[in-house]
């Protein structure tokens, strides 16, 4: 039996996640929308989904999907390459209409759970001395959605004896994959400032926003297309030595997330 690499990563990094869907100790929830043909919780819009619930779902799901910074303002340099594995964790109000009426479950015991996490594959290449192009891909191994994204980061200021910090701007695009009931896209823009200490440690902070467009394509409901803005702030730190970089970052947003990443840098 072949195991998808992302599924294996999720099992290794979050062994407790499987417990969220165990009926032992959980009373059945009659409010869940169930479909016995499913093996896991999946994005399927219920007839009860309202415009008032679809809008916050667009903002929250879109904020989760958007390409995260996950790194300081420094760039790789021309033809530099970084390949990494990121692990993202976040929490949602799974009993709210925004999340309950957008997910279907195998049975009344199989709740979505408020704590969610899954891995991402990342690649970044320096196309000029000051500009990097990045790509990420993920699929949630326990659901029917994934994301793919592209970003461009450009260094405006570079730390030097005369310049105490580095400063960069970034633009990104993210597409939600595999969901038949909606078509979702996110555009991200942010600015990041940081300072490197001892050529190893780079703490950084940033501000930005995600513009999310979601078009409902389900057979069960008829909803207007939503376009929402989700501002965010970023705090993080990166440790780099030899050809290895380790990073941790939190994004404060509509749905706040915690990201950790390990990368090989060449």
Foldseek 3Di string as FASTA:
>chain_A
DDDPPQRVVCCVPCVPVVVLFDLVPFDFDPLAAADQVDPFKEFDAALPQDQVLQQLLQFVVQVVQFDDPQDAQADQAAFKKKKKKKKKKFFDPCPDSNNRRGIYGNGRSGGPHGIDMTMKIKMWTHNHGFKIKMWIWDDRPRYQKIKIKIKMKGWPDDDDPVRQKTKIKMWMKMWMDRDQFKTKIKIKIKMKMWGDDPVFKIKIKMKIKIWMWMDTDHPSYHYDIDTDIKIKMKTKMWTDDDQKIWIWMWIDISIIMIMIMIIGID
